[in-house]
Amino acid sequence: MKNRLLLLFVLLPTIVFGQLNYQYYSKAEVESDIDYLSQKVCAIHPLMLKEDKINWWNSKVHEIKNELPDSLTQNECYLLMANLMAHLEDGHSGVQIPFDQRKIYTEAGGLVFPFYVKIQEGSMYVDYYCGNDSALFIGGEEILNINGINVKEIIERMEILFGDKSSYLRQKQIASYFRFLIWIVYGWEGDYDLLITNSKHRIKHVKVQGITSDEFLLNKNRNSQVKEKLFALELDESNSIAQMTIKSFGKLDEFCTFADSAFTLINSKGIRNLIIDVRDNGGGRSVVVDSLMNYITDQSYAQYKLIETRVSEELLKYYQLNYPDKYEMLKQSKSDSLNLIPVQIKIPPFKSNRFMGDLYLLINKGTASAASTFAGVFKNWNLGTIVGEETGGKSEFYGDYWFQETPVTKISFFVAPKKFTQFGGDSPEEGVKPDYNLVDKKNMILNFAYDLILYN
């Protein structure tokens, strides 16, 4: 009965959809795609080297297949597959939101949810209103209910689609994709009845009209804050403090251009204290972390304690085609084994604009993946003082995923073949802990870092 209720819970939008000519897939077609996804997970993910995990996984697959209806849309397939992958509790293995139905819907003039939202500890707030009446919301209002459903219930329902172990990171994902998820999960296609608290903490009902996708894209540009900068530098020359904010380690070329200019300016101004802020940095590429390290230390270092690769026929074929050097390294390895990859020792090259002053690092629950790895290196090599919350990224995690696509429903999913052990954590399930532990509210972390500099 529990499994049947879960399926009904996930497939509720079938009651709402149907106004447009969406493609439907037969039960047999969906079963074949679920089998394809399952086979890839079993062949690639390090967890699936253990027999008990394989049995557990197969039972989850069986639960879904056993209760499939006669036909499903692509969106409904996404909800099932995303929930299945989320059971891995791996933020680097999951399912991408499909947009085929969304394109049909928006091109037919379908109306969309006109907000960017923020989610904090299970509560939702207006980040930016993209509706046609720009004066209706100022930002910061808490949304309590949408169309009669409590927001906490909405968030809880969406969290089952994401595999991050941290609820904070799952809720970040929900906030990023909320205007798509609210349509996929609930099928709401028109106006929205909201219960909110305004800036004076008064509860009121507000009816908000949905807008077309074109209107949303046009209106979001009313405020430049909607497009958050990945990198930023602020100087407080009077106190000899620079604050460098890094929201992502994902784009190498952009970061290198920013970093070289930033560190040149910092040194030309004689700045003695540098605050590096990687709060809510969800990660990116290790090569970008190395690029930052080049500007803040001349010590040799390693990013990881240990890297283990699940060697499989899938991986070898993929590496042979895309990464010949990695293939040569692994081609003699026993299939279906964890292969230790030698940890690379990095020696930072000479930088004339390398920072030589005091370093401070800001972290929080949203610091994950490559950003958490950077925090671990920062801590292990004693590069400076860390202020904030324990990172959301744990000491052991899976990564280096690559994308696959189901043959029939064309849903993109990704599976991680590697297990990483980083520095900075006391146990596998713990993140990097700060030297000064503070709750990330009302800019307390940044203010504390300034006080450390000014009064110590």
Protein backbone atom coordinates (compact mmCIF):
# COMPACT_ATOMS: atom_id res chain seq x y z
CA MET A 1 0.00 0.00 0.00
CA LYS A 2 2.87 2.37 0.83
CA ASN A 3 4.35 1.92 -2.64
CA ARG A 4 0.98 2.54 -4.29
CA LEU A 5 0.50 5.75 -2.32
CA LEU A 6 3.99 6.94 -3.29
CA LEU A 7 3.24 6.36 -6.96
CA LEU A 8 -0.03 8.27 -6.73
CA PHE A 9 1.83 11.02 -4.87
CA VAL A 10 4.36 11.33 -7.71
CA LEU A 11 1.88 10.95 -10.57
CA LEU A 12 -0.79 13.37 -9.35
CA PRO A 13 -0.22 15.83 -12.26
CA THR A 14 -1.83 13.34 -14.68
CA ILE A 15 -5.13 14.58 -13.30
CA VAL A 16 -4.28 18.15 -14.31
CA PHE A 17 -2.37 17.81 -17.59
CA GLY A 18 -4.08 17.00 -20.83
CA GLN A 19 -5.01 20.33 -22.39
CA LEU A 20 -2.25 19.99 -24.98
CA ASN A 21 -1.14 17.18 -27.25
CA TYR A 22 1.73 15.85 -25.16
CA GLN A 23 3.36 12.60 -26.14
CA TYR A 24 2.44 9.58 -24.03
CA TYR A 25 4.63 6.52 -23.55
CA SER A 26 3.31 3.03 -23.00
CA LYS A 27 3.95 1.09 -19.84
CA ALA A 28 6.30 -1.23 -21.75
CA GLU A 29 8.30 1.72 -23.12
CA VAL A 30 8.67 3.29 -19.68
CA GLU A 31 9.69 -0.06 -18.17
CA SER A 32 12.40 -0.43 -20.79
CA ASP A 33 13.75 3.06 -20.01
CA ILE A 34 13.73 2.39 -16.27
CA ASP A 35 15.64 -0.84 -16.95
CA TYR A 36 18.13 1.12 -19.06
CA LEU A 37 18.68 3.69 -16.30
CA SER A 38 18.99 0.93 -13.70
CA GLN A 39 21.52 -0.98 -15.77
CA LYS A 40 23.70 2.12 -16.13
CA VAL A 41 23.57 2.80 -12.39
CA CYS A 42 24.50 -0.81 -11.58
CA ALA A 43 27.35 -0.77 -14.10
CA ILE A 44 28.83 2.61 -13.17
CA HIS A 45 28.18 3.69 -9.58
CA PRO A 46 30.68 2.57 -6.89
CA LEU A 47 27.83 1.74 -4.50
CA MET A 48 26.75 -1.07 -6.78
CA LEU A 49 29.86 -3.15 -6.10
CA LYS A 50 28.13 -4.42 -2.96
CA GLU A 51 25.61 -7.22 -3.35
CA ASP A 52 23.30 -5.89 -0.66
CA LYS A 53 23.18 -2.51 -2.40
CA ILE A 54 22.34 -4.15 -5.73
CA ASN A 55 19.51 -6.08 -4.08
CA TRP A 56 18.27 -2.92 -2.39
CA TRP A 57 18.40 -0.99 -5.67
CA ASN A 58 16.61 -3.72 -7.60
CA SER A 59 13.83 -3.71 -5.03
CA LYS A 60 13.35 0.05 -5.58
CA VAL A 61 13.21 -0.48 -9.33
CA HIS A 62 10.70 -3.28 -8.90
CA GLU A 63 8.47 -1.12 -6.69
CA ILE A 64 8.17 1.51 -9.41
CA LYS A 65 7.71 -0.87 -12.32
CA ASN A 66 5.13 -2.91 -10.44
CA GLU A 67 2.77 0.07 -10.10
CA LEU A 68 3.16 1.82 -13.47
CA PRO A 69 -0.04 3.00 -15.16
CA ASP A 70 -0.76 2.15 -18.80
CA SER A 71 0.77 5.36 -20.17
CA LEU A 72 2.82 8.32 -18.95
CA THR A 73 4.05 11.69 -20.21
CA GLN A 74 7.71 12.64 -20.18
CA ASN A 75 7.17 14.81 -17.10
CA GLU A 76 5.63 11.89 -15.22
CA CYS A 77 8.56 9.68 -16.23
CA TYR A 78 10.91 12.35 -14.87
CA LEU A 79 9.15 12.37 -11.49
CA LEU A 80 9.49 8.60 -11.18
CA MET A 81 13.10 8.41 -12.36
CA ALA A 82 14.24 11.40 -10.31
CA ASN A 83 12.72 9.89 -7.17
CA LEU A 84 14.39 6.56 -7.95
CA MET A 85 17.82 8.16 -8.41
CA ALA A 86 17.37 10.25 -5.27
CA HIS A 87 17.45 7.03 -3.23
CA LEU A 88 21.19 6.87 -3.96
CA GLU A 89 21.62 9.96 -1.73
CA ASP A 90 24.30 11.18 -4.10
CA GLY A 91 24.19 14.78 -5.28
CA HIS A 92 26.33 13.84 -8.29
CA SER A 93 23.91 11.18 -9.58
CA GLY A 94 20.44 12.23 -10.64
CA VAL A 95 18.01 13.20 -13.40
CA GLN A 96 17.83 16.47 -15.29
CA ILE A 97 14.50 18.25 -15.58
CA PRO A 98 13.20 17.61 -19.13
CA PHE A 99 11.91 20.54 -21.17
CA ASP A 100 10.17 18.90 -24.14
CA GLN A 101 6.70 19.27 -22.60
CA ARG A 102 7.60 22.68 -21.24
CA LYS A 103 8.45 23.88 -24.75
CA ILE A 104 5.09 22.66 -26.10
CA TYR A 105 3.32 24.31 -23.18
CA THR A 106 5.03 27.71 -23.40
CA GLU A 107 4.85 27.87 -27.20
CA ALA A 108 1.09 27.37 -26.89
CA GLY A 109 0.95 30.43 -24.62
CA GLY A 110 0.98 28.56 -21.33
CA LEU A 111 1.34 30.73 -18.23
CA VAL A 112 4.21 30.33 -15.76
CA PHE A 113 4.82 31.04 -12.09
CA PRO A 114 6.16 34.65 -12.05
CA PHE A 115 8.69 34.46 -9.22
CA TYR A 116 12.24 33.71 -8.29
CA VAL A 117 12.15 32.33 -4.76
CA LYS A 118 14.52 31.66 -1.90
CA ILE A 119 14.12 28.75 0.50
CA GLN A 120 15.58 28.82 4.01
CA GLU A 121 15.03 25.98 6.48
CA GLY A 122 11.80 24.89 4.84
CA SER A 123 10.35 28.39 4.47
CA MET A 124 9.94 30.17 1.14
CA TYR A 125 10.45 33.85 0.36
CA VAL A 126 9.98 36.05 -2.67
CA ASP A 127 13.39 36.75 -4.16
CA TYR A 128 12.19 38.66 -7.19
CA TYR A 129 8.75 39.11 -8.75
CA CYS A 130 8.71 38.91 -12.55
CA GLY A 131 5.01 39.65 -13.01
CA ASN A 132 3.75 42.56 -15.08
CA ASP A 133 2.84 44.67 -12.03
CA SER A 134 6.34 45.32 -10.70
CA ALA A 135 5.04 47.12 -7.59
CA LEU A 136 3.08 44.14 -6.29
CA PHE A 137 6.06 42.63 -4.40
CA ILE A 138 9.22 44.27 -3.08
CA GLY A 139 11.03 41.01 -2.27
CA GLY A 140 11.46 39.24 1.05
CA GLU A 141 7.78 38.41 1.59
CA GLU A 142 7.27 34.91 2.99
CA ILE A 143 5.00 32.66 0.93
CA LEU A 144 2.96 30.50 3.30
CA ASN A 145 0.52 28.79 0.92
CA ILE A 146 0.13 28.40 -2.84
CA ASN A 147 -3.30 27.48 -4.18
CA GLY A 148 -4.34 26.28 -0.73
CA ILE A 149 -1.34 24.01 -0.15
CA ASN A 150 1.12 24.74 2.64
CA VAL A 151 4.54 25.65 1.24
CA LYS A 152 6.32 23.34 3.67
CA GLU A 153 4.32 20.44 2.20
CA ILE A 154 5.23 21.57 -1.32
CA ILE A 155 8.94 21.69 -0.46
CA GLU A 156 8.83 18.31 1.26
CA ARG A 157 7.21 16.78 -1.79
CA MET A 158 9.85 18.23 -4.12
CA GLU A 159 12.77 17.15 -1.95
CA ILE A 160 12.20 13.50 -2.91
CA LEU A 161 13.43 14.40 -6.41
CA PHE A 162 16.99 15.28 -5.32
CA GLY A 163 19.69 13.05 -3.90
CA ASP A 164 21.84 15.40 -1.85
CA LYS A 165 22.18 14.15 1.72
CA SER A 166 21.84 17.70 2.98
CA SER A 167 18.31 19.10 3.12
CA TYR A 168 19.84 22.56 2.72
CA LEU A 169 21.33 21.57 -0.64
CA ARG A 170 18.12 19.86 -1.77
CA GLN A 171 16.17 23.00 -0.98
CA LYS A 172 18.68 25.11 -2.91
CA GLN A 173 17.98 22.93 -5.94
CA ILE A 174 14.24 23.35 -5.46
CA ALA A 175 14.59 27.14 -5.27
CA SER A 176 16.64 27.21 -8.48
CA TYR A 177 14.06 25.25 -10.47
CA PHE A 178 10.89 26.08 -8.57
CA ARG A 179 8.95 27.70 -11.41
CA PHE A 180 9.45 24.53 -13.47
CA LEU A 181 8.88 22.09 -10.61
CA ILE A 182 5.63 23.68 -9.48
CA TRP A 183 4.25 23.05 -12.97
CA ILE A 184 5.67 19.53 -13.31
CA VAL A 185 4.70 18.34 -9.83
CA TYR A 186 1.32 20.04 -9.43
CA GLY A 187 0.34 20.87 -12.99
CA TRP A 188 -0.75 24.39 -12.04
CA GLU A 189 -1.18 26.33 -15.26
CA GLY A 190 -3.09 29.51 -14.50
CA ASP A 191 -3.30 32.11 -11.78
CA TYR A 192 -1.96 31.62 -8.26
CA ASP A 193 -3.67 32.23 -4.93
CA LEU A 194 -0.95 33.05 -2.41
CA LEU A 195 -1.02 33.44 1.35
CA ILE A 196 1.91 35.65 2.31
CA THR A 197 3.34 37.74 5.11
CA ASN A 198 4.36 41.22 4.03
CA SER A 199 7.17 43.44 5.32
CA LYS A 200 4.99 44.38 8.33
CA HIS A 201 4.48 40.69 9.14
CA ARG A 202 0.80 40.87 8.27
CA ILE A 203 -0.78 37.80 6.66
CA LYS A 204 -2.79 38.44 3.52
CA HIS A 205 -4.13 36.70 0.43
CA VAL A 206 -2.78 37.82 -2.93
CA LYS A 207 -3.99 36.60 -6.31
CA VAL A 208 -1.18 36.64 -8.84
CA GLN A 209 -1.62 36.18 -12.56
CA GLY A 210 0.57 33.73 -14.40
CA ILE A 211 2.57 35.20 -17.27
CA THR A 212 3.88 33.86 -20.55
CA SER A 213 7.46 32.67 -20.82
CA ASP A 214 8.30 35.65 -23.04
CA GLU A 215 6.91 38.04 -20.45
CA PHE A 216 8.91 36.31 -17.71
CA LEU A 217 12.17 36.66 -19.65
CA LEU A 218 11.42 40.32 -20.41
CA ASN A 219 10.41 41.23 -16.86
CA LYS A 220 13.29 39.51 -15.11
CA ASN A 221 15.67 42.03 -16.64
CA ARG A 222 13.98 44.88 -14.76
CA ASN A 223 16.39 44.24 -11.91
CA SER A 224 20.06 43.50 -12.43
CA GLN A 225 20.16 41.60 -9.12
CA VAL A 226 18.34 38.67 -10.73
CA LYS A 227 21.50 37.75 -12.60
CA GLU A 228 23.87 37.08 -9.74
CA LYS A 229 27.54 37.57 -10.48
CA LEU A 230 29.65 34.45 -10.16
CA PHE A 231 32.65 36.46 -8.96
CA ALA A 232 32.93 39.79 -7.18
CA LEU A 233 35.59 41.86 -5.42
CA GLU A 234 35.07 44.65 -2.90
CA LEU A 235 37.86 46.71 -1.37
CA ASP A 236 37.88 48.46 2.00
CA GLU A 237 41.15 50.33 1.57
CA SER A 238 40.85 52.25 4.83
CA ASN A 239 40.99 48.95 6.77
CA SER A 240 43.17 47.13 4.23
CA ILE A 241 40.50 44.46 3.60
CA ALA A 242 39.46 42.82 0.34
CA GLN A 243 36.36 40.65 0.09
CA MET A 244 36.35 38.15 -2.79
CA THR A 245 33.04 36.36 -3.42
CA ILE A 246 33.14 33.17 -5.49
CA LYS A 247 29.70 31.65 -6.20
CA SER A 248 30.93 28.85 -8.47
CA PHE A 249 34.10 27.00 -9.43
CA GLY A 250 32.50 25.98 -12.71
CA LYS A 251 33.97 28.30 -15.35
CA LEU A 252 37.73 28.23 -15.77
CA ASP A 253 38.29 30.96 -18.35
CA GLU A 254 35.99 33.45 -16.64
CA PHE A 255 37.53 32.76 -13.24
CA CYS A 256 41.12 33.10 -14.49
CA THR A 257 40.32 36.47 -16.06
CA PHE A 258 38.62 37.65 -12.86
CA ALA A 259 41.29 36.29 -10.51
CA ASP A 260 44.26 37.76 -12.36
CA SER A 261 42.67 41.19 -12.44
CA ALA A 262 41.47 40.96 -8.83
CA PHE A 263 44.77 39.87 -7.32
CA THR A 264 46.66 42.47 -9.35
CA LEU A 265 44.38 45.15 -7.91
CA ILE A 266 44.63 43.77 -4.37
CA ASN A 267 48.41 43.85 -4.49
CA SER A 268 48.59 47.28 -6.11
CA LYS A 269 46.52 48.67 -3.23
CA GLY A 270 48.71 47.02 -0.60
CA ILE A 271 45.77 45.11 0.91
CA ARG A 272 46.88 43.01 3.90
CA ASN A 273 43.68 41.01 4.62
CA LEU A 274 41.69 38.93 2.13
CA ILE A 275 38.29 37.40 2.86
CA ILE A 276 37.35 34.63 0.42
CA ASP A 277 33.61 33.96 0.53
CA VAL A 278 32.49 30.55 -0.83
CA ARG A 279 29.15 30.43 0.99
CA ASP A 280 26.48 28.85 -1.21
CA ASN A 281 29.14 27.87 -3.74
CA GLY A 282 27.86 24.50 -4.98
CA GLY A 283 31.16 23.48 -6.57
CA GLY A 284 32.46 23.08 -10.08
CA ARG A 285 35.80 21.91 -11.42
CA SER A 286 38.94 21.00 -9.52
CA VAL A 287 41.08 22.86 -12.07
CA VAL A 288 39.38 26.12 -11.04
CA VAL A 289 40.22 25.38 -7.40
CA ASP A 290 43.85 24.92 -8.48
CA SER A 291 43.70 28.27 -10.26
CA LEU A 292 42.64 29.99 -7.03
CA MET A 293 45.28 28.17 -5.01
CA ASN A 294 47.96 29.54 -7.35
CA TYR A 295 47.17 33.05 -6.11
CA ILE A 296 47.11 32.35 -2.36
CA THR A 297 49.94 29.90 -1.60
CA ASP A 298 53.30 28.65 -2.77
CA GLN A 299 52.99 25.41 -0.76
CA SER A 300 52.66 22.10 -2.55
CA TYR A 301 49.30 20.44 -1.82
CA ALA A 302 46.80 17.81 -2.92
CA GLN A 303 43.06 18.36 -3.27
CA TYR A 304 42.10 14.85 -2.13
CA LYS A 305 43.29 12.22 0.30
CA LEU A 306 41.98 9.46 -1.92
CA ILE A 307 40.31 8.96 -5.32
CA GLU A 308 38.75 5.61 -6.17
CA THR A 309 37.32 4.81 -9.61
CA ARG A 310 34.73 2.14 -10.31
CA VAL A 311 36.28 0.33 -13.26
CA SER A 312 33.66 -1.10 -15.61
CA GLU A 313 33.20 -1.85 -19.27
CA GLU A 314 31.02 1.26 -19.46
CA LEU A 315 33.77 3.44 -18.05
CA LEU A 316 36.57 1.96 -20.18
CA LYS A 317 34.60 2.49 -23.39
CA TYR A 318 33.78 6.04 -22.35
CA TYR A 319 37.38 6.85 -21.44
CA GLN A 320 38.77 5.22 -24.59
CA LEU A 321 36.59 7.49 -26.69
CA ASN A 322 36.85 10.71 -24.68
CA TYR A 323 39.91 10.48 -22.38
CA PRO A 324 42.62 8.25 -23.91
CA ASP A 325 45.13 9.09 -21.17
CA LYS A 326 42.74 7.91 -18.45
CA TYR A 327 41.95 4.82 -20.51
CA GLU A 328 45.64 3.90 -20.70
CA MET A 329 45.88 4.23 -16.94
CA LEU A 330 42.93 1.94 -16.26
CA LYS A 331 42.75 -0.49 -19.17
CA GLN A 332 44.62 -3.25 -17.34
CA SER A 333 42.48 -2.90 -14.21
CA LYS A 334 40.14 -5.65 -13.14
CA SER A 335 36.56 -4.94 -14.15
CA ASP A 336 34.03 -4.22 -11.40
CA SER A 337 36.64 -3.08 -8.92
CA LEU A 338 37.56 0.16 -7.17
CA ASN A 339 40.84 1.35 -8.59
CA LEU A 340 43.00 3.76 -6.62
CA ILE A 341 44.07 6.73 -8.71
CA PRO A 342 47.36 8.33 -7.60
CA VAL A 343 46.64 11.62 -5.87
CA GLN A 344 48.25 14.49 -7.73
CA ILE A 345 50.57 16.76 -5.77
CA LYS A 346 50.20 20.31 -7.02
CA ILE A 347 53.04 22.81 -6.98
CA PRO A 348 51.72 26.34 -7.54
CA PRO A 349 53.64 28.15 -10.28
CA PHE A 350 55.17 31.55 -9.62
CA LYS A 351 52.68 34.41 -9.58
CA SER A 352 53.91 37.98 -9.36
CA ASN A 353 50.52 39.04 -8.00
CA ARG A 354 50.19 36.24 -5.44
CA PHE A 355 48.57 37.42 -2.20
CA MET A 356 50.94 37.29 0.78
CA GLY A 357 48.76 38.69 3.57
CA ASP A 358 46.29 37.13 6.01
CA LEU A 359 43.52 34.92 4.63
CA TYR A 360 39.99 34.37 5.93
CA LEU A 361 37.53 31.87 4.43
CA LEU A 362 33.74 32.04 4.79
CA ILE A 363 31.76 28.78 4.46
CA ASN A 364 28.21 27.56 5.13
CA LYS A 365 25.81 24.66 4.53
CA GLY A 366 25.67 25.56 0.85
CA THR A 367 29.43 25.12 0.38
CA ALA A 368 29.63 21.82 -1.47
CA SER A 369 31.54 19.65 -3.93
CA ALA A 370 34.63 21.48 -5.27
CA ALA A 371 33.99 24.43 -2.91
CA SER A 372 34.00 22.07 0.06
CA THR A 373 37.16 20.46 -1.30
CA PHE A 374 38.77 23.91 -1.43
CA ALA A 375 37.74 24.51 2.18
CA GLY A 376 39.32 21.17 3.15
CA VAL A 377 42.59 22.09 1.46
CA PHE A 378 42.48 25.55 3.06
CA LYS A 379 42.06 23.96 6.49
CA ASN A 380 44.52 21.09 6.11
CA TRP A 381 47.33 23.35 4.90
CA ASN A 382 46.58 26.05 7.48
CA LEU A 383 46.19 28.80 4.92
CA GLY A 384 44.17 31.02 7.21
CA THR A 385 41.12 31.33 9.44
CA ILE A 386 37.76 29.73 8.59
CA VAL A 387 34.51 31.34 9.74
CA GLY A 388 30.93 30.10 9.30
CA GLU A 389 29.05 26.81 9.27
CA GLU A 390 30.16 23.25 8.59
CA THR A 391 30.14 22.70 4.84
CA GLY A 392 27.28 20.85 3.19
CA GLY A 393 29.83 18.88 1.18
CA LYS A 394 30.99 15.83 3.13
CA SER A 395 34.45 14.32 3.47
CA GLU A 396 33.46 11.38 1.28
CA PHE A 397 31.38 11.90 -1.83
CA TYR A 398 30.86 10.58 -5.33
CA GLY A 399 31.65 12.59 -8.42
CA ASP A 400 33.10 13.03 -11.91
CA TYR A 401 29.75 12.02 -13.38
CA TRP A 402 28.84 11.75 -17.02
CA PHE A 403 25.49 12.02 -18.73
CA GLN A 404 23.32 9.30 -20.23
CA GLU A 405 19.94 9.46 -21.97
CA THR A 406 17.07 7.01 -21.84
CA PRO A 407 16.42 5.62 -25.35
CA VAL A 408 12.65 6.16 -25.56
CA THR A 409 11.58 9.01 -23.28
CA LYS A 410 14.83 10.93 -23.91
CA ILE A 411 15.36 11.84 -20.27
CA SER A 412 18.90 12.86 -19.39
CA PHE A 413 20.44 11.43 -16.23
CA PHE A 414 23.94 11.33 -14.77
CA VAL A 415 25.88 8.78 -12.75
CA ALA A 416 29.07 9.23 -10.73
CA PRO A 417 31.79 6.56 -11.20
CA LYS A 418 34.26 7.87 -8.62
CA LYS A 419 34.50 8.13 -4.85
CA PHE A 420 36.48 11.03 -3.41
CA THR A 421 37.86 11.48 0.08
CA GLN A 422 38.79 15.09 0.77
CA PHE A 423 40.64 16.85 3.55
CA GLY A 424 39.13 18.79 6.41
CA GLY A 425 36.50 16.43 7.81
CA ASP A 426 36.77 14.32 10.96
CA SER A 427 34.61 11.49 9.56
CA PRO A 428 33.12 10.46 6.18
CA GLU A 429 29.72 11.97 6.96
CA GLU A 430 31.07 15.30 8.22
CA GLY A 431 31.98 18.39 6.27
CA VAL A 432 34.75 20.89 6.84
CA LYS A 433 34.31 22.56 10.20
CA PRO A 434 35.16 26.23 10.71
CA ASP A 435 37.50 27.65 13.31
CA TYR A 436 34.65 29.90 14.40
CA ASN A 437 31.19 28.35 14.12
CA LEU A 438 28.37 30.83 13.50
CA VAL A 439 24.85 30.62 12.07
CA ASP A 440 24.64 32.17 8.60
CA LYS A 441 22.01 34.78 9.37
CA LYS A 442 21.91 38.57 8.92
CA ASN A 443 25.46 38.61 7.59
CA MET A 444 26.75 37.48 10.98
CA ILE A 445 29.56 35.45 9.40
CA LEU A 446 30.95 38.29 7.31
CA ASN A 447 30.67 40.78 10.17
CA PHE A 448 32.50 38.38 12.50
CA ALA A 449 35.34 38.03 9.98
CA TYR A 450 35.65 41.82 9.82
CA ASP A 451 35.76 42.00 13.63
CA LEU A 452 38.54 39.37 13.70
CA ILE A 453 40.58 41.52 11.37
CA LEU A 454 39.90 44.86 13.03
CA TYR A 455 40.06 43.95 16.71
CA ASN A 456 42.53 41.06 16.98
